[in-house]
Amino acid sequence: MPFCFSGDRVIVLLVDLTVYCFDNWGFARMFSLNGMVQVASVCAVVSILGCGSAVNDPRSNHVQGSVSFKGAPVAFGDIRFIPENGPAGYAQIRDGKYDTAALGGKGTVGGKQTVVINGFDGVAKPAEELPNGAPLFPEYRTDVEIASGGGSEDFEVVVQKPQGMQRGGGV
């Protein structure tokens, strides 16, 4: 291994792709950078090109559509497509529209999906720590079937009233 930690003080010289390490006693270790340069080059190429290809990504089904609440477009939010098997897809909602092919989105696999929608009014309230604005509704979930190849899905968020404790009746 090309390490030079044998004393309190280490002097390192780089000459013609060879590193010379001198410790307190004057002993030197040297190693060539040729192998290290080759490894670094391979790592750089792999990081630039990536390890996979979008062609092999199972999330190639892009979905687009609209999201509304009480008949009005949801100003700001996010939508997630969670399949029974495979990686999830997602998109941002802007002015009632979403597209998993848009910047910041990711397509999904085909088949049965649980869709999770979060909607906000889009009016930032930094003092209240609400950068997306006030929530319009609690997290909304529904199930859909996404066709292989993607397509269009529109959603009308319907909030069910929570079933609370009933009044009266006594024990």
Protein backbone atom coordinates (compact mmCIF):
# COMPACT_ATOMS: atom_id res chain seq x y z
CA MET A 1 0.00 0.00 0.00
CA PRO A 2 1.35 3.42 -0.88
CA PHE A 3 1.14 5.15 2.51
CA CYS A 4 3.90 7.06 4.30
CA PHE A 5 2.91 7.15 7.97
CA SER A 6 5.99 5.97 9.83
CA GLY A 7 6.93 9.08 11.83
CA ASP A 8 5.65 12.32 13.29
CA ARG A 9 6.64 14.42 10.30
CA VAL A 10 6.27 13.27 6.71
CA ILE A 11 7.69 15.07 3.71
CA VAL A 12 6.18 14.14 0.37
CA LEU A 13 7.78 14.95 -2.97
CA LEU A 14 6.15 14.41 -6.35
CA VAL A 15 8.61 13.94 -9.19
CA ASP A 16 7.72 12.51 -12.62
CA LEU A 17 4.61 10.67 -11.37
CA THR A 18 6.59 9.10 -8.52
CA VAL A 19 5.93 10.02 -4.90
CA TYR A 20 8.81 9.98 -2.41
CA CYS A 21 7.90 9.98 1.29
CA PHE A 22 10.57 10.81 3.88
CA ASP A 23 9.97 10.31 7.59
CA ASN A 24 11.85 11.76 10.62
CA TRP A 25 14.70 9.29 10.25
CA GLY A 26 15.33 9.93 6.58
CA PHE A 27 13.84 6.67 5.35
CA ALA A 28 12.09 6.98 2.04
CA ARG A 29 9.26 5.08 0.47
CA MET A 30 8.32 5.61 -3.12
CA PHE A 31 5.50 4.53 -5.33
CA SER A 32 4.39 5.31 -8.86
CA LEU A 33 1.18 7.12 -9.60
CA ASN A 34 0.72 5.37 -12.92
CA GLY A 35 -1.59 2.73 -11.44
CA MET A 36 -3.39 5.31 -9.34
CA VAL A 37 -3.84 7.60 -12.35
CA GLN A 38 -5.34 4.70 -14.28
CA VAL A 39 -7.76 3.88 -11.46
CA ALA A 40 -8.73 7.56 -11.14
CA SER A 41 -9.34 7.77 -14.88
CA VAL A 42 -11.63 4.73 -14.82
CA CYS A 43 -13.55 6.17 -11.85
CA ALA A 44 -13.95 9.50 -13.64
CA VAL A 45 -15.29 7.86 -16.80
CA VAL A 46 -17.73 5.66 -14.85
CA SER A 47 -19.02 8.63 -12.85
CA ILE A 48 -19.54 10.68 -16.01
CA LEU A 49 -21.24 7.93 -18.00
CA GLY A 50 -23.04 6.31 -15.08
CA CYS A 51 -23.48 2.65 -14.30
CA GLY A 52 -26.82 2.18 -16.01
CA SER A 53 -28.89 3.38 -18.86
CA ALA A 54 -32.29 5.03 -19.01
CA VAL A 55 -33.25 2.32 -21.52
CA ASN A 56 -32.96 -0.28 -18.73
CA ASP A 57 -34.85 1.87 -16.19
CA PRO A 58 -38.22 0.22 -15.46
CA ARG A 59 -39.68 3.66 -14.71
CA SER A 60 -39.99 4.52 -18.39
CA ASN A 61 -43.78 4.95 -18.25
CA HIS A 62 -44.45 8.66 -18.05
CA VAL A 63 -47.74 9.92 -16.70
CA GLN A 64 -49.19 13.39 -17.01
CA GLY A 65 -52.43 14.99 -16.00
CA SER A 66 -54.19 17.40 -13.72
CA VAL A 67 -54.92 17.59 -10.00
CA SER A 68 -57.83 19.58 -8.61
CA PHE A 69 -59.41 20.10 -5.21
CA LYS A 70 -62.98 21.38 -4.76
CA GLY A 71 -63.09 21.97 -8.52
CA ALA A 72 -60.04 24.27 -8.58
CA PRO A 73 -56.50 23.40 -9.78
CA VAL A 74 -54.02 22.59 -6.99
CA ALA A 75 -51.53 25.47 -7.12
CA PHE A 76 -48.50 23.65 -5.78
CA GLY A 77 -47.69 20.15 -4.59
CA ASP A 78 -46.32 16.75 -5.40
CA ILE A 79 -47.65 13.44 -6.65
CA ARG A 80 -46.11 10.00 -6.14
CA PHE A 81 -46.91 6.75 -7.92
CA ILE A 82 -46.09 3.77 -5.70
CA PRO A 83 -46.38 0.46 -7.56
CA GLU A 84 -46.91 -2.95 -5.99
CA ASN A 85 -43.55 -4.00 -7.47
CA GLY A 86 -40.81 -1.70 -8.67
CA PRO A 87 -39.50 1.79 -8.00
CA ALA A 88 -41.84 4.71 -7.39
CA GLY A 89 -42.44 7.57 -9.80
CA TYR A 90 -43.07 11.18 -8.89
CA ALA A 91 -43.71 14.68 -10.21
CA GLN A 92 -44.26 18.21 -9.02
CA ILE A 93 -47.69 19.77 -9.30
CA ARG A 94 -47.73 23.33 -10.64
CA ASP A 95 -50.94 25.21 -11.42
CA GLY A 96 -52.94 21.98 -11.36
CA LYS A 97 -50.72 20.10 -13.83
CA TYR A 98 -48.09 17.40 -13.39
CA ASP A 99 -45.82 15.44 -15.74
CA THR A 100 -43.40 12.73 -14.61
CA ALA A 101 -41.28 13.47 -17.71
CA ALA A 102 -40.72 17.09 -16.61
CA LEU A 103 -37.66 18.34 -14.75
CA GLY A 104 -37.71 16.98 -11.20
CA GLY A 105 -39.96 14.05 -12.10
CA LYS A 106 -39.47 10.34 -12.65
CA GLY A 107 -41.67 7.91 -14.57
CA THR A 108 -43.19 4.81 -13.07
CA VAL A 109 -43.71 1.17 -13.95
CA GLY A 110 -47.00 -0.02 -15.39
CA GLY A 111 -49.63 -1.77 -13.29
CA LYS A 112 -51.54 -1.13 -10.09
CA GLN A 113 -50.32 1.96 -8.22
CA THR A 114 -51.09 3.76 -5.01
CA VAL A 115 -51.08 7.47 -5.79
CA VAL A 116 -50.14 9.87 -2.99
CA ILE A 117 -50.92 13.58 -3.47
CA ASN A 118 -49.91 16.55 -1.33
CA GLY A 119 -51.35 19.95 -2.23
CA PHE A 120 -50.57 23.47 -1.04
CA ASP A 121 -51.93 26.92 -1.79
CA GLY A 122 -48.53 28.04 -3.15
CA VAL A 123 -48.33 31.16 -0.99
CA ALA A 124 -45.05 30.86 0.91
CA LYS A 125 -45.20 31.66 4.61
CA PRO A 126 -41.57 31.66 5.80
CA ALA A 127 -42.47 32.94 9.27
CA GLU A 128 -44.65 29.86 9.74
CA GLU A 129 -42.06 27.59 8.08
CA LEU A 130 -44.41 26.82 5.19
CA PRO A 131 -42.27 27.35 2.05
CA ASN A 132 -44.93 25.75 -0.19
CA GLY A 133 -47.81 27.55 1.46
CA ALA A 134 -50.58 26.17 3.60
CA PRO A 135 -51.72 22.57 3.03
CA LEU A 136 -55.02 22.40 1.15
CA PHE A 137 -55.90 18.91 2.39
CA PRO A 138 -54.41 16.00 4.33
CA GLU A 139 -52.23 13.64 2.33
CA TYR A 140 -54.55 12.06 -0.24
CA ARG A 141 -54.24 8.44 -1.38
CA THR A 142 -56.01 6.55 -4.12
CA ASP A 143 -55.38 3.48 -6.28
CA VAL A 144 -55.11 3.50 -10.07
CA GLU A 145 -53.97 1.21 -12.87
CA ILE A 146 -51.21 2.71 -15.04
CA ALA A 147 -51.06 1.30 -18.55
CA SER A 148 -47.76 0.01 -19.83
CA GLY A 149 -46.32 2.90 -21.79
CA GLY A 150 -47.80 5.56 -19.50
CA GLY A 151 -50.59 7.94 -20.35
CA SER A 152 -52.77 10.56 -18.76
CA GLU A 153 -54.45 10.45 -15.33
CA ASP A 154 -56.48 13.27 -13.84
CA PHE A 155 -57.24 13.42 -10.12
CA GLU A 156 -59.95 15.19 -8.16
CA VAL A 157 -58.93 15.15 -4.51
CA VAL A 158 -61.86 14.22 -2.30
CA VAL A 159 -61.35 14.58 1.42
CA GLN A 160 -63.40 12.24 3.53
CA LYS A 161 -64.48 13.59 6.86
CA PRO A 162 -62.74 11.77 9.71
CA GLN A 163 -64.93 9.43 11.65
CA GLY A 164 -64.76 10.90 15.10
CA MET A 165 -66.44 9.91 18.30
CA GLN A 166 -70.18 10.03 18.14
CA ARG A 167 -72.04 12.16 20.61
CA GLY A 168 -74.56 10.86 23.07
CA GLY A 169 -75.43 7.28 23.71
CA GLY A 170 -73.74 7.16 27.11
CA VAL A 171 -72.86 3.97 28.86
